[in-house]
Protein backbone atom coordinates (compact mmCIF):
# COMPACT_ATOMS: atom_id res chain seq x y z
CA MET A 1 0.00 0.00 0.00
CA ASN A 2 1.49 3.34 -0.91
CA ILE A 3 1.54 6.48 1.22
CA ASP A 4 -1.16 8.28 -0.79
CA ASN A 5 -3.68 5.52 -0.13
CA LYS A 6 -2.88 5.49 3.57
CA ALA A 7 -3.33 9.26 3.76
CA LEU A 8 -6.67 9.07 1.98
CA ILE A 9 -7.90 6.36 4.33
CA ILE A 10 -6.82 8.35 7.39
CA ILE A 11 -8.59 11.46 6.06
CA LYS A 12 -11.73 9.42 5.44
CA ILE A 13 -11.63 7.92 8.93
CA LYS A 14 -11.21 11.38 10.47
CA ALA A 15 -14.12 12.73 8.42
CA ASP A 16 -16.33 9.80 9.44
CA ALA A 17 -15.37 10.27 13.09
CA ARG A 18 -16.23 13.97 12.92
CA LYS A 19 -19.59 13.17 11.32
CA LEU A 20 -20.36 10.61 14.03
CA THR A 21 -19.42 13.13 16.73
CA ASN A 22 -21.71 15.75 15.19
CA GLU A 23 -24.58 13.26 14.99
CA HIS A 24 -23.95 12.19 18.58
CA THR A 25 -24.02 15.81 19.78
CA PHE A 26 -27.21 16.43 17.79
CA PHE A 27 -28.98 13.43 19.30
CA ARG A 28 -27.82 14.35 22.80
CA ARG A 29 -29.24 17.88 22.36
CA LEU A 30 -32.46 16.42 20.99
CA LEU A 31 -32.67 14.07 23.97
CA ASN A 32 -32.06 16.97 26.37
CA LYS A 33 -34.86 18.97 24.72
CA VAL A 34 -37.23 16.02 24.94
CA THR A 35 -36.45 15.45 28.62
CA GLN A 36 -36.91 19.14 29.39
CA LEU A 37 -40.28 19.12 27.63
CA ASN A 38 -41.31 16.01 29.56
CA LEU A 39 -40.29 17.63 32.84
CA PHE A 40 -42.27 20.75 32.00
CA SER A 41 -45.34 18.72 31.05
CA TYR A 42 -45.31 17.15 34.52
CA LEU A 43 -45.23 20.53 36.30
């Protein structure tokens, strides 16, 4: 495997990891909003 291929794979892995992190943050925020709404509906 040459260096160019390795670099491309590393870049792709980093991009995928960033995307996963963004999705994770988004879902956590969504979950927080849902829990806040649920708490308010019980008040």
